N, C-alpha and C. Protein backbone atom coordinates (compact mmCIF):
# COMPACT_ATOMS: atom_id res chain seq x y z
N MET A 1 36.31 5.41 49.12
CA MET A 1 35.11 6.20 48.88
C MET A 1 34.00 5.27 48.37
N VAL A 2 32.85 5.42 48.96
CA VAL A 2 31.71 4.58 48.59
C VAL A 2 31.00 5.20 47.39
N ARG A 3 30.72 4.39 46.40
CA ARG A 3 29.96 4.85 45.22
C ARG A 3 28.51 4.42 45.40
N TYR A 4 27.63 5.38 45.28
CA TYR A 4 26.20 5.08 45.39
C TYR A 4 25.58 5.05 44.00
N PRO A 5 24.60 4.21 43.79
CA PRO A 5 23.92 4.22 42.49
C PRO A 5 23.15 5.54 42.31
N LYS A 6 22.83 5.87 41.06
CA LYS A 6 22.10 7.10 40.75
C LYS A 6 20.79 7.20 41.53
N GLU A 7 20.13 6.05 41.71
CA GLU A 7 18.86 6.05 42.43
C GLU A 7 19.04 6.59 43.84
N HIS A 8 20.17 6.24 44.48
CA HIS A 8 20.42 6.70 45.84
C HIS A 8 20.49 8.23 45.87
N LYS A 9 21.20 8.81 44.91
CA LYS A 9 21.33 10.27 44.87
C LYS A 9 19.96 10.91 44.65
N HIS A 10 19.18 10.34 43.76
CA HIS A 10 17.82 10.86 43.49
C HIS A 10 16.96 10.78 44.76
N HIS A 11 16.98 9.63 45.44
CA HIS A 11 16.17 9.45 46.65
C HIS A 11 16.62 10.39 47.76
N THR A 12 17.93 10.58 47.89
CA THR A 12 18.45 11.49 48.90
C THR A 12 18.00 12.92 48.60
N ARG A 13 18.11 13.33 47.34
CA ARG A 13 17.68 14.68 46.95
C ARG A 13 16.19 14.86 47.23
N GLN A 14 15.38 13.85 46.87
CA GLN A 14 13.94 13.96 47.11
C GLN A 14 13.64 14.02 48.60
N ARG A 15 14.39 13.29 49.42
CA ARG A 15 14.19 13.32 50.87
C ARG A 15 14.47 14.74 51.39
N ILE A 16 15.52 15.37 50.89
CA ILE A 16 15.83 16.75 51.31
C ILE A 16 14.68 17.68 50.91
N ILE A 17 14.20 17.54 49.68
CA ILE A 17 13.12 18.40 49.17
C ILE A 17 11.85 18.22 49.99
N THR A 18 11.48 16.98 50.25
CA THR A 18 10.24 16.69 50.98
C THR A 18 10.31 17.18 52.42
N THR A 19 11.41 16.88 53.11
CA THR A 19 11.52 17.32 54.50
C THR A 19 11.63 18.85 54.56
N ALA A 20 12.31 19.46 53.59
CA ALA A 20 12.41 20.92 53.56
C ALA A 20 11.03 21.54 53.35
N GLY A 21 10.23 20.96 52.46
CA GLY A 21 8.88 21.48 52.22
C GLY A 21 8.05 21.50 53.48
N ARG A 22 8.12 20.43 54.25
CA ARG A 22 7.36 20.35 55.51
C ARG A 22 7.87 21.40 56.51
N ARG A 23 9.19 21.51 56.64
CA ARG A 23 9.78 22.46 57.59
C ARG A 23 9.49 23.90 57.18
N LEU A 24 9.59 24.19 55.89
CA LEU A 24 9.31 25.55 55.42
C LEU A 24 7.87 25.94 55.73
N LYS A 25 6.94 25.01 55.54
CA LYS A 25 5.54 25.31 55.85
C LYS A 25 5.34 25.52 57.35
N GLN A 26 6.08 24.79 58.14
CA GLN A 26 5.93 24.87 59.60
C GLN A 26 6.58 26.14 60.16
N ASP A 27 7.83 26.42 59.75
CA ASP A 27 8.60 27.51 60.36
C ASP A 27 8.80 28.71 59.46
N GLY A 28 8.38 28.61 58.21
CA GLY A 28 8.56 29.71 57.27
C GLY A 28 9.90 29.61 56.56
N ILE A 29 10.01 30.33 55.47
CA ILE A 29 11.23 30.32 54.67
C ILE A 29 12.37 30.96 55.46
N ASP A 30 12.10 32.12 56.05
CA ASP A 30 13.14 32.82 56.80
C ASP A 30 13.48 32.12 58.11
N GLY A 31 12.55 31.33 58.64
CA GLY A 31 12.76 30.65 59.91
C GLY A 31 13.43 29.29 59.79
N SER A 32 13.86 28.93 58.60
CA SER A 32 14.44 27.61 58.36
C SER A 32 15.81 27.76 57.71
N GLY A 33 16.85 27.52 58.49
CA GLY A 33 18.21 27.57 57.94
C GLY A 33 18.61 26.26 57.30
N VAL A 34 19.67 26.30 56.52
CA VAL A 34 20.17 25.10 55.84
C VAL A 34 20.49 24.00 56.84
N ALA A 35 21.10 24.35 57.98
CA ALA A 35 21.48 23.34 58.98
C ALA A 35 20.25 22.58 59.47
N THR A 36 19.17 23.30 59.76
CA THR A 36 17.93 22.67 60.22
C THR A 36 17.32 21.81 59.13
N LEU A 37 17.29 22.34 57.92
CA LEU A 37 16.69 21.59 56.80
C LEU A 37 17.45 20.29 56.54
N MET A 38 18.76 20.33 56.64
CA MET A 38 19.57 19.13 56.42
C MET A 38 19.45 18.16 57.60
N LYS A 39 19.36 18.69 58.80
CA LYS A 39 19.19 17.82 59.98
C LYS A 39 17.87 17.05 59.86
N ASP A 40 16.81 17.74 59.41
CA ASP A 40 15.52 17.08 59.21
C ASP A 40 15.64 15.91 58.25
N ALA A 41 16.51 16.05 57.25
CA ALA A 41 16.70 14.99 56.25
C ALA A 41 17.70 13.93 56.72
N GLY A 42 18.29 14.16 57.91
CA GLY A 42 19.25 13.21 58.45
C GLY A 42 20.61 13.29 57.76
N LEU A 43 20.96 14.48 57.27
CA LEU A 43 22.20 14.67 56.52
C LEU A 43 22.99 15.85 57.10
N THR A 44 24.24 15.95 56.72
CA THR A 44 25.08 17.05 57.18
C THR A 44 24.96 18.25 56.26
N VAL A 45 25.32 19.40 56.79
CA VAL A 45 25.30 20.63 55.99
C VAL A 45 26.25 20.49 54.80
N GLY A 46 27.37 19.83 55.00
CA GLY A 46 28.33 19.65 53.92
C GLY A 46 27.74 18.92 52.72
N THR A 47 26.79 18.04 52.97
CA THR A 47 26.14 17.28 51.90
C THR A 47 25.24 18.17 51.05
N PHE A 48 24.75 19.25 51.64
CA PHE A 48 23.78 20.13 50.98
C PHE A 48 24.23 20.54 49.58
N TYR A 49 25.49 20.97 49.47
CA TYR A 49 25.97 21.53 48.21
C TYR A 49 26.22 20.49 47.12
N ALA A 50 26.10 19.23 47.47
CA ALA A 50 26.14 18.18 46.44
C ALA A 50 24.80 18.12 45.69
N TYR A 51 23.78 18.75 46.29
CA TYR A 51 22.44 18.67 45.72
C TYR A 51 21.86 20.02 45.29
N PHE A 52 22.26 21.09 45.95
CA PHE A 52 21.68 22.41 45.69
C PHE A 52 22.78 23.47 45.69
N THR A 53 22.59 24.51 44.87
CA THR A 53 23.60 25.57 44.78
C THR A 53 23.45 26.58 45.92
N SER A 54 22.24 26.70 46.48
CA SER A 54 21.98 27.68 47.54
C SER A 54 20.68 27.32 48.25
N LYS A 55 20.42 28.00 49.36
CA LYS A 55 19.15 27.81 50.04
C LYS A 55 18.00 28.23 49.12
N ASP A 56 18.19 29.32 48.38
CA ASP A 56 17.14 29.76 47.45
C ASP A 56 16.81 28.69 46.42
N ASP A 57 17.82 27.97 45.96
CA ASP A 57 17.62 26.87 45.02
C ASP A 57 16.75 25.79 45.67
N LEU A 58 17.06 25.43 46.90
CA LEU A 58 16.26 24.42 47.62
C LEU A 58 14.84 24.94 47.86
N VAL A 59 14.69 26.19 48.27
CA VAL A 59 13.37 26.75 48.54
C VAL A 59 12.50 26.69 47.28
N ALA A 60 13.03 27.14 46.15
CA ALA A 60 12.27 27.11 44.90
C ALA A 60 11.88 25.68 44.53
N THR A 61 12.82 24.75 44.71
CA THR A 61 12.55 23.34 44.39
C THR A 61 11.50 22.76 45.34
N ALA A 62 11.59 23.09 46.63
CA ALA A 62 10.63 22.58 47.61
C ALA A 62 9.24 23.17 47.38
N VAL A 63 9.16 24.44 47.03
CA VAL A 63 7.86 25.06 46.74
C VAL A 63 7.22 24.38 45.53
N ALA A 64 8.00 24.17 44.48
CA ALA A 64 7.48 23.49 43.29
C ALA A 64 7.00 22.09 43.65
N ASP A 65 7.76 21.38 44.48
CA ASP A 65 7.41 20.02 44.89
C ASP A 65 6.13 20.01 45.73
N GLN A 66 5.99 20.97 46.65
CA GLN A 66 4.78 21.05 47.47
C GLN A 66 3.55 21.33 46.61
N MET A 67 3.69 22.22 45.64
CA MET A 67 2.56 22.54 44.76
C MET A 67 2.20 21.33 43.91
N ARG A 68 3.22 20.63 43.39
CA ARG A 68 2.99 19.43 42.59
C ARG A 68 2.27 18.37 43.42
N ALA A 69 2.73 18.17 44.65
CA ALA A 69 2.12 17.16 45.53
C ALA A 69 0.67 17.51 45.84
N GLN A 70 0.39 18.80 46.08
CA GLN A 70 -1.00 19.19 46.37
C GLN A 70 -1.88 18.90 45.15
N HIS A 71 -1.36 19.18 43.97
CA HIS A 71 -2.14 18.90 42.77
C HIS A 71 -2.37 17.38 42.63
N GLU A 72 -1.30 16.61 42.71
CA GLU A 72 -1.41 15.16 42.50
C GLU A 72 -2.25 14.47 43.57
N ASN A 73 -2.11 14.87 44.82
CA ASN A 73 -2.77 14.17 45.92
C ASN A 73 -4.19 14.65 46.19
N ILE A 74 -4.51 15.86 45.81
CA ILE A 74 -5.84 16.41 46.11
C ILE A 74 -6.62 16.72 44.83
N VAL A 75 -6.13 17.67 44.05
CA VAL A 75 -6.90 18.15 42.90
C VAL A 75 -7.06 17.06 41.84
N ALA A 76 -5.98 16.40 41.47
CA ALA A 76 -6.06 15.38 40.42
C ALA A 76 -6.90 14.17 40.85
N GLN A 77 -7.02 13.95 42.16
CA GLN A 77 -7.79 12.81 42.67
C GLN A 77 -9.29 13.11 42.78
N ALA A 78 -9.65 14.38 42.73
CA ALA A 78 -11.05 14.77 42.91
C ALA A 78 -11.88 14.37 41.69
N ALA A 79 -13.16 14.17 41.95
CA ALA A 79 -14.10 13.82 40.88
C ALA A 79 -14.19 14.97 39.88
N PRO A 80 -14.70 14.70 38.68
CA PRO A 80 -14.91 15.79 37.73
C PRO A 80 -16.08 16.68 38.15
N GLY A 81 -16.16 17.85 37.53
CA GLY A 81 -17.30 18.74 37.73
C GLY A 81 -17.41 19.34 39.12
N ARG A 82 -18.62 19.82 39.42
CA ARG A 82 -18.88 20.49 40.69
C ARG A 82 -18.60 19.58 41.87
N ALA A 83 -18.91 18.30 41.74
CA ALA A 83 -18.69 17.36 42.85
C ALA A 83 -17.22 17.34 43.26
N GLY A 84 -16.34 17.38 42.27
CA GLY A 84 -14.91 17.39 42.55
C GLY A 84 -14.47 18.67 43.23
N LEU A 85 -15.00 19.81 42.76
CA LEU A 85 -14.67 21.08 43.40
C LEU A 85 -15.14 21.08 44.85
N GLU A 86 -16.33 20.53 45.09
CA GLU A 86 -16.84 20.47 46.46
C GLU A 86 -15.95 19.58 47.32
N GLN A 87 -15.47 18.46 46.78
CA GLN A 87 -14.53 17.59 47.52
C GLN A 87 -13.29 18.38 47.93
N ILE A 88 -12.71 19.10 46.96
CA ILE A 88 -11.50 19.88 47.21
C ILE A 88 -11.77 20.92 48.28
N ILE A 89 -12.86 21.65 48.17
CA ILE A 89 -13.20 22.72 49.10
C ILE A 89 -13.42 22.17 50.51
N ARG A 90 -14.16 21.08 50.61
CA ARG A 90 -14.42 20.50 51.94
C ARG A 90 -13.13 19.96 52.58
N TRP A 91 -12.25 19.36 51.77
CA TRP A 91 -10.96 18.92 52.30
C TRP A 91 -10.17 20.14 52.78
N TYR A 92 -10.13 21.16 51.95
CA TYR A 92 -9.31 22.35 52.23
C TYR A 92 -9.74 23.03 53.52
N PHE A 93 -11.03 23.12 53.74
CA PHE A 93 -11.54 23.82 54.92
C PHE A 93 -11.81 22.87 56.10
N SER A 94 -11.15 21.73 56.11
CA SER A 94 -11.30 20.82 57.26
C SER A 94 -10.42 21.28 58.41
N THR A 95 -10.79 20.93 59.62
CA THR A 95 -9.98 21.29 60.79
C THR A 95 -8.63 20.56 60.74
N GLU A 96 -8.60 19.36 60.18
CA GLU A 96 -7.34 18.61 60.06
C GLU A 96 -6.35 19.38 59.19
N GLN A 97 -6.83 19.88 58.07
CA GLN A 97 -5.99 20.65 57.15
C GLN A 97 -5.51 21.93 57.84
N ARG A 98 -6.40 22.58 58.55
CA ARG A 98 -6.02 23.82 59.23
C ARG A 98 -4.98 23.56 60.31
N ASP A 99 -5.16 22.48 61.06
CA ASP A 99 -4.31 22.24 62.23
C ASP A 99 -2.99 21.55 61.92
N SER A 100 -2.81 21.10 60.69
CA SER A 100 -1.58 20.40 60.32
C SER A 100 -0.83 21.23 59.28
N ILE A 101 -0.19 22.27 59.75
CA ILE A 101 0.46 23.22 58.84
C ILE A 101 1.53 22.53 57.99
N GLU A 102 2.38 21.71 58.63
CA GLU A 102 3.49 21.09 57.88
C GLU A 102 3.02 20.09 56.83
N ASP A 103 1.83 19.54 57.00
CA ASP A 103 1.29 18.60 56.02
C ASP A 103 0.24 19.25 55.12
N GLY A 104 -0.06 20.50 55.38
CA GLY A 104 -1.16 21.16 54.69
C GLY A 104 -0.75 21.93 53.45
N CYS A 105 -1.59 22.85 53.10
CA CYS A 105 -1.47 23.62 51.86
C CYS A 105 -0.28 24.57 51.88
N PRO A 106 0.57 24.50 50.85
CA PRO A 106 1.69 25.43 50.77
C PRO A 106 1.23 26.87 50.54
N ASN A 107 0.07 27.06 49.92
CA ASN A 107 -0.45 28.41 49.71
C ASN A 107 -0.68 29.11 51.03
N ALA A 108 -1.46 28.48 51.90
CA ALA A 108 -1.81 29.10 53.18
C ALA A 108 -0.60 29.24 54.09
N ALA A 109 0.36 28.34 53.98
CA ALA A 109 1.52 28.37 54.87
C ALA A 109 2.59 29.35 54.42
N LEU A 110 2.74 29.57 53.12
CA LEU A 110 3.92 30.29 52.63
C LEU A 110 3.64 31.50 51.73
N LEU A 111 2.38 31.75 51.40
CA LEU A 111 2.07 32.75 50.39
C LEU A 111 2.67 34.12 50.68
N ASP A 112 2.58 34.58 51.92
CA ASP A 112 3.11 35.90 52.24
C ASP A 112 4.63 35.96 52.04
N GLU A 113 5.34 34.88 52.37
CA GLU A 113 6.79 34.86 52.19
C GLU A 113 7.19 34.68 50.72
N ILE A 114 6.41 33.91 49.98
CA ILE A 114 6.72 33.69 48.57
C ILE A 114 6.68 35.03 47.82
N GLY A 115 5.76 35.88 48.20
CA GLY A 115 5.66 37.20 47.57
C GLY A 115 6.91 38.04 47.76
N ARG A 116 7.71 37.73 48.78
CA ARG A 116 8.95 38.46 49.04
C ARG A 116 10.19 37.63 48.69
N SER A 117 9.99 36.51 48.02
CA SER A 117 11.09 35.60 47.69
C SER A 117 11.73 35.95 46.35
N THR A 118 12.70 35.13 45.96
CA THR A 118 13.41 35.32 44.69
C THR A 118 12.45 35.09 43.52
N ASP A 119 12.85 35.62 42.37
CA ASP A 119 12.05 35.41 41.16
C ASP A 119 11.89 33.92 40.86
N THR A 120 12.94 33.14 41.12
CA THR A 120 12.89 31.70 40.86
C THR A 120 11.84 31.02 41.73
N THR A 121 11.79 31.39 43.00
CA THR A 121 10.80 30.81 43.91
C THR A 121 9.40 31.26 43.51
N ARG A 122 9.25 32.53 43.19
CA ARG A 122 7.94 33.04 42.78
C ARG A 122 7.47 32.36 41.49
N GLN A 123 8.41 32.09 40.57
CA GLN A 123 8.04 31.40 39.33
C GLN A 123 7.65 29.96 39.61
N ALA A 124 8.37 29.30 40.50
CA ALA A 124 8.03 27.92 40.88
C ALA A 124 6.62 27.88 41.48
N TYR A 125 6.33 28.86 42.32
CA TYR A 125 4.99 28.94 42.91
C TYR A 125 3.94 29.21 41.84
N THR A 126 4.21 30.18 40.97
CA THR A 126 3.26 30.54 39.91
C THR A 126 2.94 29.34 39.03
N ASP A 127 3.97 28.62 38.61
CA ASP A 127 3.77 27.44 37.77
C ASP A 127 2.88 26.42 38.48
N GLY A 128 3.14 26.19 39.77
CA GLY A 128 2.33 25.24 40.54
C GLY A 128 0.91 25.72 40.74
N ALA A 129 0.75 27.01 41.00
CA ALA A 129 -0.59 27.57 41.21
C ALA A 129 -1.42 27.46 39.93
N LEU A 130 -0.78 27.68 38.77
CA LEU A 130 -1.51 27.59 37.51
C LEU A 130 -1.99 26.16 37.24
N VAL A 131 -1.20 25.17 37.63
CA VAL A 131 -1.64 23.78 37.49
C VAL A 131 -2.85 23.53 38.39
N LEU A 132 -2.79 24.03 39.63
CA LEU A 132 -3.93 23.87 40.55
C LEU A 132 -5.18 24.52 39.99
N ILE A 133 -5.05 25.78 39.56
CA ILE A 133 -6.25 26.48 39.11
C ILE A 133 -6.77 25.92 37.80
N ASP A 134 -5.90 25.36 36.98
CA ASP A 134 -6.39 24.70 35.77
C ASP A 134 -7.23 23.48 36.14
N GLY A 135 -6.86 22.80 37.24
CA GLY A 135 -7.67 21.69 37.74
C GLY A 135 -9.02 22.19 38.24
N PHE A 136 -9.03 23.35 38.89
CA PHE A 136 -10.30 23.96 39.33
C PHE A 136 -11.13 24.34 38.11
N ALA A 137 -10.50 25.02 37.14
CA ALA A 137 -11.22 25.54 35.97
C ALA A 137 -11.83 24.42 35.14
N ALA A 138 -11.13 23.29 35.04
CA ALA A 138 -11.65 22.15 34.27
C ALA A 138 -12.92 21.60 34.91
N ARG A 139 -13.05 21.78 36.22
CA ARG A 139 -14.26 21.32 36.91
C ARG A 139 -15.34 22.41 36.93
N LEU A 140 -14.91 23.66 36.92
CA LEU A 140 -15.83 24.78 36.98
C LEU A 140 -16.52 25.01 35.63
N ALA A 141 -15.74 24.89 34.55
CA ALA A 141 -16.27 25.12 33.20
C ALA A 141 -15.70 24.04 32.28
N PRO A 142 -16.22 22.81 32.39
CA PRO A 142 -15.64 21.69 31.63
C PRO A 142 -15.56 21.91 30.12
N HIS A 143 -16.47 22.69 29.56
CA HIS A 143 -16.49 22.88 28.11
C HIS A 143 -15.58 24.03 27.67
N ASP A 144 -15.15 24.87 28.63
CA ASP A 144 -14.29 26.01 28.29
C ASP A 144 -13.46 26.41 29.52
N PRO A 145 -12.51 25.52 29.95
CA PRO A 145 -11.73 25.83 31.15
C PRO A 145 -11.03 27.20 31.14
N PRO A 146 -10.47 27.68 29.99
CA PRO A 146 -9.81 28.99 30.04
C PRO A 146 -10.73 30.12 30.50
N SER A 147 -12.03 30.00 30.24
CA SER A 147 -12.98 31.04 30.64
C SER A 147 -13.10 31.13 32.17
N ALA A 148 -12.75 30.06 32.87
CA ALA A 148 -12.90 30.02 34.33
C ALA A 148 -11.56 30.17 35.06
N ARG A 149 -10.52 30.47 34.33
CA ARG A 149 -9.18 30.52 34.94
C ARG A 149 -9.06 31.62 35.99
N LEU A 150 -9.50 32.83 35.67
CA LEU A 150 -9.39 33.94 36.61
C LEU A 150 -10.28 33.70 37.84
N LYS A 151 -11.48 33.19 37.61
CA LYS A 151 -12.37 32.88 38.75
C LYS A 151 -11.74 31.80 39.61
N SER A 152 -11.06 30.83 39.00
CA SER A 152 -10.39 29.77 39.75
C SER A 152 -9.23 30.32 40.58
N LEU A 153 -8.51 31.27 40.02
CA LEU A 153 -7.41 31.91 40.75
C LEU A 153 -7.97 32.68 41.95
N SER A 154 -9.07 33.36 41.74
CA SER A 154 -9.74 34.08 42.83
C SER A 154 -10.20 33.11 43.91
N LEU A 155 -10.73 31.96 43.49
CA LEU A 155 -11.16 30.93 44.44
C LEU A 155 -9.97 30.44 45.28
N LEU A 156 -8.84 30.19 44.64
CA LEU A 156 -7.64 29.75 45.36
C LEU A 156 -7.22 30.82 46.37
N GLY A 157 -7.23 32.08 45.96
CA GLY A 157 -6.87 33.17 46.87
C GLY A 157 -7.80 33.26 48.06
N MET A 158 -9.10 33.13 47.81
CA MET A 158 -10.08 33.18 48.89
C MET A 158 -9.88 32.01 49.85
N MET A 159 -9.61 30.85 49.29
CA MET A 159 -9.43 29.66 50.13
C MET A 159 -8.17 29.81 51.00
N ALA A 160 -7.06 30.22 50.40
CA ALA A 160 -5.81 30.36 51.16
C ALA A 160 -5.95 31.42 52.24
N GLY A 161 -6.54 32.56 51.90
CA GLY A 161 -6.70 33.63 52.89
C GLY A 161 -7.59 33.22 54.04
N THR A 162 -8.68 32.53 53.75
CA THR A 162 -9.59 32.07 54.80
C THR A 162 -8.87 31.08 55.72
N LEU A 163 -8.11 30.16 55.13
CA LEU A 163 -7.38 29.18 55.94
C LEU A 163 -6.32 29.87 56.80
N GLN A 164 -5.60 30.83 56.24
CA GLN A 164 -4.60 31.58 57.01
C GLN A 164 -5.27 32.27 58.20
N LEU A 165 -6.39 32.92 57.98
CA LEU A 165 -7.10 33.63 59.05
C LEU A 165 -7.58 32.65 60.11
N SER A 166 -8.11 31.52 59.69
CA SER A 166 -8.58 30.51 60.65
C SER A 166 -7.42 30.01 61.52
N ARG A 167 -6.23 29.84 60.91
CA ARG A 167 -5.06 29.40 61.67
C ARG A 167 -4.60 30.45 62.67
N ALA A 168 -4.81 31.72 62.35
CA ALA A 168 -4.31 32.81 63.19
C ALA A 168 -5.21 33.09 64.41
N LEU A 169 -6.46 32.71 64.33
CA LEU A 169 -7.40 33.03 65.42
C LEU A 169 -7.14 32.15 66.65
N THR A 170 -7.18 32.78 67.82
CA THR A 170 -7.03 32.00 69.06
C THR A 170 -8.36 31.43 69.53
N ASP A 171 -9.46 32.01 69.09
CA ASP A 171 -10.80 31.53 69.45
C ASP A 171 -11.14 30.35 68.55
N ARG A 172 -11.04 29.14 69.11
CA ARG A 172 -11.23 27.92 68.33
C ARG A 172 -12.62 27.84 67.71
N GLN A 173 -13.64 28.24 68.47
CA GLN A 173 -15.01 28.18 67.94
C GLN A 173 -15.16 29.12 66.74
N LEU A 174 -14.62 30.33 66.86
CA LEU A 174 -14.69 31.28 65.76
C LEU A 174 -13.89 30.78 64.56
N ALA A 175 -12.73 30.18 64.81
CA ALA A 175 -11.90 29.62 63.74
C ALA A 175 -12.66 28.51 63.00
N ASP A 176 -13.36 27.66 63.74
CA ASP A 176 -14.15 26.59 63.13
C ASP A 176 -15.32 27.15 62.32
N GLN A 177 -15.97 28.18 62.87
CA GLN A 177 -17.07 28.82 62.15
C GLN A 177 -16.57 29.46 60.85
N LEU A 178 -15.38 30.02 60.90
CA LEU A 178 -14.81 30.62 59.70
C LEU A 178 -14.59 29.57 58.61
N LEU A 179 -14.12 28.37 58.98
CA LEU A 179 -13.96 27.30 58.00
C LEU A 179 -15.31 26.94 57.36
N GLU A 180 -16.35 26.84 58.19
CA GLU A 180 -17.69 26.55 57.65
C GLU A 180 -18.15 27.65 56.71
N GLN A 181 -17.89 28.91 57.08
CA GLN A 181 -18.26 30.03 56.22
C GLN A 181 -17.45 29.98 54.93
N GLY A 182 -16.19 29.55 55.02
CA GLY A 182 -15.35 29.41 53.83
C GLY A 182 -15.95 28.42 52.85
N ILE A 183 -16.43 27.28 53.36
CA ILE A 183 -17.09 26.29 52.50
C ILE A 183 -18.29 26.93 51.81
N HIS A 184 -19.12 27.62 52.59
CA HIS A 184 -20.31 28.26 52.06
C HIS A 184 -19.94 29.28 50.97
N ASN A 185 -18.95 30.12 51.25
CA ASN A 185 -18.54 31.16 50.28
C ASN A 185 -17.97 30.56 49.01
N ALA A 186 -17.13 29.53 49.16
CA ALA A 186 -16.52 28.90 47.99
C ALA A 186 -17.57 28.21 47.12
N LEU A 187 -18.50 27.51 47.75
CA LEU A 187 -19.56 26.85 46.98
C LEU A 187 -20.46 27.88 46.30
N ALA A 188 -20.73 29.00 46.97
CA ALA A 188 -21.54 30.06 46.36
C ALA A 188 -20.82 30.64 45.14
N LEU A 189 -19.50 30.79 45.24
CA LEU A 189 -18.72 31.30 44.12
C LEU A 189 -18.79 30.37 42.91
N ILE A 190 -18.65 29.06 43.15
CA ILE A 190 -18.68 28.15 42.01
C ILE A 190 -20.09 27.99 41.46
N ASP A 191 -21.10 28.06 42.33
CA ASP A 191 -22.48 27.95 41.85
C ASP A 191 -22.85 29.19 41.02
N ALA A 192 -22.37 30.36 41.41
CA ALA A 192 -22.62 31.58 40.64
C ALA A 192 -21.98 31.45 39.25
N GLU A 193 -20.80 30.87 39.19
CA GLU A 193 -20.12 30.68 37.88
C GLU A 193 -20.91 29.70 37.01
N GLN A 194 -21.42 28.65 37.60
CA GLN A 194 -22.09 27.63 36.81
C GLN A 194 -23.47 28.06 36.35
N HIS A 195 -24.00 29.13 36.94
CA HIS A 195 -25.30 29.63 36.49
C HIS A 195 -25.16 30.76 35.48
N ASN A 196 -23.92 31.15 35.19
CA ASN A 196 -23.70 32.20 34.19
C ASN A 196 -23.79 31.65 32.79
């Protein structure tokens, strides 16, 4: 029997989580079985239970990881203040973001399914969403971020819904116009907050 160092087990687990996150966003939670998720990671189904107790355990972990990655790679990298919010909004409503579901926002890809998921998955999502919106609120109301938390949550909801609708439309021109309108609406929302 081959003994692997602890780092190997950690890297293997992270590979499963990362590939599962991409597949879940692409095919949905219900559309992704354990066999497919493990095949994506280059591992056997038998290996799965060395890392996770159930598919629900992996789903909750992958959702948390996707939310963490979105915060670290997008929100945390954005400039402070309104300029940072505008960076986030323009990235979010880009055609690249819309057209790359597996690499894109977990909110727009999975929100409807998360609402019907286990309490553990919903909690993982909630925790991640609160980190995202706290990043929005810190830019929206730098002197009093808690005052902007609900508006930030509303902004996230508007952004995810607009992106979902843009992805669903078969009329490419209309879908592109919707993204532009999304930018306009999101900026109007933050400008209204900053003038209060």
